[in-house]
Protein backbone atom coordinates (compact mmCIF):
# COMPACT_ATOMS: atom_id res chain seq x y z
CA MET A 1 145.40 89.82 125.11
CA LEU A 2 147.32 86.67 126.48
CA GLN A 3 150.74 86.39 124.57
CA ARG A 4 153.43 86.78 125.89
CA PHE A 5 153.91 90.24 125.86
CA ILE A 6 157.91 90.23 123.81
CA ALA A 7 158.02 88.49 120.13
CA ALA A 8 160.10 85.37 120.19
CA GLY A 9 162.95 86.87 118.10
CA ALA A 10 163.34 90.19 120.87
CA MET A 11 164.14 86.99 123.15
CA ALA A 12 166.81 85.22 120.86
CA LEU A 13 168.22 88.85 120.29
CA ALA A 14 168.74 89.64 124.21
CA VAL A 15 170.30 85.71 124.84
CA ALA A 16 172.12 85.71 121.85
CA ALA A 17 173.91 89.17 122.86
CA LEU A 18 175.01 87.62 126.30
CA THR A 19 175.68 84.23 124.88
CA SER A 20 178.65 86.23 122.39
CA ARG A 21 180.04 87.11 126.06
CA LEU A 22 180.40 83.62 127.48
CA ASP A 23 182.50 80.51 127.37
CA ALA A 24 181.03 77.50 126.87
CA ALA A 25 180.95 75.77 130.61
CA ALA A 26 181.04 72.35 131.45
CA ALA A 27 178.23 69.20 130.89
CA ARG A 28 177.31 66.95 132.84
CA PRO A 29 177.43 63.23 131.31
CA SER A 30 175.06 60.60 131.26
CA ALA A 31 175.44 57.01 129.97
CA GLU A 32 172.00 57.18 129.67
CA GLY A 33 173.01 58.36 125.79
CA TYR A 34 172.59 62.39 126.81
CA GLU A 35 173.81 65.51 128.70
CA LEU A 36 172.59 67.17 131.13
CA TRP A 37 173.92 71.23 130.98
CA ASN A 38 175.72 71.80 134.68
CA ASP A 39 176.51 75.43 134.93
CA CYS A 40 173.49 77.92 136.59
CA GLY A 41 175.74 81.32 135.91
CA ALA A 42 176.89 80.68 132.18
CA LEU A 43 174.89 79.43 128.90
CA PRO A 44 176.23 77.00 126.13
CA ASP A 45 176.93 78.48 122.37
CA ASP A 46 174.78 76.49 120.73
CA PHE A 47 171.45 75.71 122.16
CA GLN A 48 167.55 76.29 120.60
CA PHE A 49 164.60 76.27 122.21
CA LEU A 50 161.69 73.41 122.40
CA PRO A 51 158.64 74.84 121.41
CA THR A 52 156.50 75.24 124.29
CA PHE A 53 153.06 75.88 122.37
CA LEU A 54 150.66 73.54 120.12
CA GLY A 55 150.19 75.44 116.45
CA VAL A 56 146.36 74.94 117.59
CA LYS A 57 145.85 76.47 120.54
CA PRO A 58 146.77 80.36 121.84
CA SER A 59 150.41 81.23 121.78
CA GLY A 60 150.37 82.82 125.41
CA PHE A 61 148.81 82.20 129.20
CA VAL A 62 145.93 80.67 129.98
CA ASP A 63 142.96 82.45 131.10
CA LEU A 64 140.67 80.97 133.62
CA GLY A 65 137.80 83.19 133.11
CA ARG A 66 137.70 84.17 136.01
CA ASN A 67 138.67 87.31 138.67
CA VAL A 68 139.85 87.10 141.79
CA THR A 69 139.90 89.89 144.44
CA ALA A 70 143.08 90.91 146.56
CA GLN A 71 143.84 93.81 148.46
CA GLY A 72 140.19 95.30 147.88
CA LEU A 73 140.67 94.80 144.41
CA LYS A 74 140.03 92.65 141.20
CA TRP A 75 142.98 90.54 139.17
CA ARG A 76 142.28 88.50 136.72
CA ALA A 77 143.05 84.36 137.30
CA LEU A 78 145.77 83.30 134.75
CA GLN A 79 147.45 79.02 134.53
CA TYR A 80 151.08 79.81 133.66
CA THR A 81 150.96 76.77 131.07
CA ARG A 82 149.05 73.76 130.24
CA ASP A 83 149.64 69.93 130.37
CA GLU A 84 150.49 69.60 126.43
CA ASP A 85 151.76 66.56 124.74
CA PHE A 86 153.93 67.65 122.15
CA GLY A 87 154.87 63.94 120.29
CA ALA A 88 157.82 63.57 117.63
CA TYR A 89 160.31 66.30 117.46
CA ALA A 90 162.94 66.98 115.04
CA ALA A 91 166.35 67.14 117.15
CA THR A 92 170.38 67.69 115.81
CA ALA A 93 172.81 65.83 117.58
CA GLY A 94 175.58 68.18 119.26
CA ARG A 95 172.85 70.60 119.92
CA TRP A 96 171.60 71.76 123.15
CA TYR A 97 167.63 72.46 123.92
CA GLY A 98 166.22 74.17 126.53
CA GLY A 99 162.22 74.31 127.16
CA MET A 100 159.38 75.19 129.55
CA GLY A 101 159.86 78.01 131.74
CA ARG A 102 161.71 81.43 129.66
CA ASP A 103 160.10 84.70 129.14
CA SER A 104 161.11 87.95 127.83
CA TRP A 105 159.38 91.42 129.20
CA PRO A 106 159.96 95.25 128.39
CA ALA A 107 162.37 96.78 130.43
CA GLY A 108 160.91 98.32 133.49
CA THR A 109 157.85 95.93 133.76
CA VAL A 110 158.11 92.38 134.82
CA ASN A 111 160.61 90.87 136.75
CA PRO A 112 160.93 87.72 135.22
CA VAL A 113 163.16 86.30 138.27
CA GLN A 114 160.47 86.84 141.16
CA GLN A 115 157.82 85.38 138.51
CA PHE A 116 160.23 82.43 138.08
CA GLU A 117 160.60 82.46 142.11
CA HIS A 118 156.90 81.53 142.57
CA PHE A 119 156.39 79.43 138.72
CA ARG A 120 159.10 76.63 139.09
CA VAL A 121 160.87 73.94 137.20
CA VAL A 122 161.31 71.03 139.12
CA ALA A 123 162.32 67.80 136.82
CA TRP A 124 163.50 67.48 133.47
CA GLU A 125 162.33 63.18 132.97
CA ILE A 126 164.22 61.85 130.08
CA ASP A 127 164.01 58.00 128.95
CA GLY A 128 162.15 57.64 132.11
CA GLU A 129 164.75 58.78 134.07
CA ARG A 130 164.16 62.09 136.26
CA HIS A 131 166.63 64.79 136.78
CA GLU A 132 165.52 66.76 139.12
CA ILE A 133 166.47 70.57 138.86
CA ASP A 134 167.98 73.51 140.93
CA THR A 135 164.74 75.74 141.01
CA SER A 136 167.33 78.56 142.02
CA CYS A 137 169.12 77.96 138.27
CA VAL A 138 167.60 81.11 136.65
CA LEU A 139 169.81 83.78 134.54
CA SER A 140 168.01 87.37 134.05
CA ILE A 141 169.46 89.02 130.92
CA GLN A 142 169.03 92.99 130.47
CA THR A 143 168.97 94.97 127.12
CA ASN A 144 167.69 98.40 126.93
CA ASP A 145 164.69 97.28 125.69
CA VAL A 146 163.85 93.59 127.19
CA VAL A 147 164.51 91.75 129.83
CA VAL A 148 164.67 88.21 129.75
CA GLY A 149 164.22 85.23 132.28
CA LEU A 150 164.82 81.48 131.89
CA TYR A 151 165.62 78.27 133.43
CA ASN A 152 169.65 77.95 132.81
CA VAL A 153 168.96 73.93 131.82
CA TRP A 154 169.55 72.15 128.61
CA ILE A 155 169.68 68.73 126.91
CA ARG A 156 171.40 67.18 124.69
CA PHE A 157 172.55 63.97 122.47
CA PRO A 158 175.55 63.24 120.71
CA GLU A 159 174.17 60.35 118.70
CA PRO A 160 171.14 60.18 117.10
CA GLY A 161 168.02 58.16 118.33
CA VAL A 162 164.89 58.37 119.81
CA HIS A 163 164.79 59.98 122.91
CA THR A 164 161.65 60.70 125.12
CA LEU A 165 161.31 63.77 127.19
CA ARG A 166 158.90 65.36 129.92
CA ILE A 167 159.21 68.18 131.45
CA PHE A 168 157.59 69.23 134.70
CA GLY A 169 156.75 73.18 135.82
CA ARG A 170 154.60 74.17 138.79
CA GLN A 171 153.60 77.09 140.26
CA GLU A 172 154.02 77.21 143.98
CA THR A 173 152.62 80.49 145.29
CA ASP A 174 150.24 83.32 143.17
CA PHE A 175 152.02 85.92 141.51
CA ALA A 176 150.21 89.28 140.90
CA PHE A 177 151.39 91.35 138.12
CA ILE A 178 150.98 93.96 135.83
CA TYR A 179 150.67 93.63 132.30
CA PRO A 180 152.76 95.67 130.52
CA TYR A 181 150.54 96.84 127.89
CA ALA A 182 148.54 98.88 130.04
CA ALA A 183 151.73 99.47 132.54
CA LEU A 184 153.12 101.44 128.95
CA GLY A 185 149.85 103.32 128.97
CA GLY A 186 148.09 101.36 126.89
CA THR A 187 144.29 99.97 127.53
CA ASP A 188 143.23 96.97 129.13
CA PRO A 189 140.19 95.23 127.24
CA LEU A 190 139.09 93.50 130.66
CA GLY A 191 139.18 97.25 132.60
CA LEU A 192 141.57 95.89 135.13
CA PHE A 193 144.49 98.36 134.38
CA GLY A 194 146.28 95.31 133.63
CA ARG A 195 146.01 93.24 136.94
CA ARG A 196 146.85 89.76 136.22
CA VAL A 197 147.86 87.15 138.74
CA PHE A 198 148.98 83.51 138.39
CA LEU A 199 147.26 81.34 140.84
CA ALA A 200 148.76 78.38 142.50
CA GLY A 201 148.63 74.45 141.86
CA GLU A 202 146.79 73.77 138.32
CA PHE A 203 143.38 74.24 137.19
CA ILE A 204 142.80 73.10 133.43
CA GLY A 205 145.16 69.95 133.01
CA ASP A 206 145.67 66.88 135.77
CA VAL A 207 144.30 69.18 138.66
CA LEU A 208 145.67 66.16 140.56
CA ASP A 209 149.40 66.39 140.61
CA ASP A 210 149.48 70.15 139.94
CA GLU A 211 152.10 69.76 137.58
CA PHE A 212 152.97 71.15 134.23
CA VAL A 213 153.95 68.75 131.79
CA HIS A 214 155.71 69.31 128.04
CA ALA A 215 155.99 66.13 126.65
CA TYR A 216 158.21 65.23 123.13
CA GLU A 217 159.41 62.32 121.54
CA LEU A 218 162.57 63.56 120.56
CA HIS A 219 164.18 62.54 117.05
CA VAL A 220 167.62 62.92 117.36
CA THR A 221 169.66 63.08 113.51
CA LYS A 222 173.15 64.08 112.79
CA ASP A 223 173.24 67.60 111.24
CA PHE A 224 174.47 66.45 107.72
């Protein structure tokens, strides 16, 4: 019920369609052995998404198990993601990696750009060095069937090694939307006609910091 509506394959096809029309752009080099992407209007030419769900947990939004009332109607309360430590993850030198802050929806339903005006990826921390993120750096990719929104933030490591990465996100304000299966004529098992809302803040996780944190230990090797 709470899984993202469009499979990762559809997102990959939509992103690939845009990537084929864009030229590779400049990166921001670092003396610490990594590079950050530095062009909000273009995608890198060789990229991969880091996992955003642990295999032992549901691969979707977090159901807070309660409804809230707004404008005289009941809405199911959700949390966009949760704090996760993904542990060791194999990465390839020279490839760009992206993380938290990407969604795809059937065309004509949820607008991911509006969604990401409320949910923000605020920082990436690499090997203990924090980099603030331009929260307006969001790309929207439209096909006949789906619309994809993603934070255009990527990192790559030119040489093999082990690095720590933490990605921080915040639900700054509430975001109410109609879940696509209801918008497209399906039945809502909760009887709410698809009404869902991401509530500002953090309710499951470290509620004191109000930030969602995805942590990785990236083991970078050469692509032989």
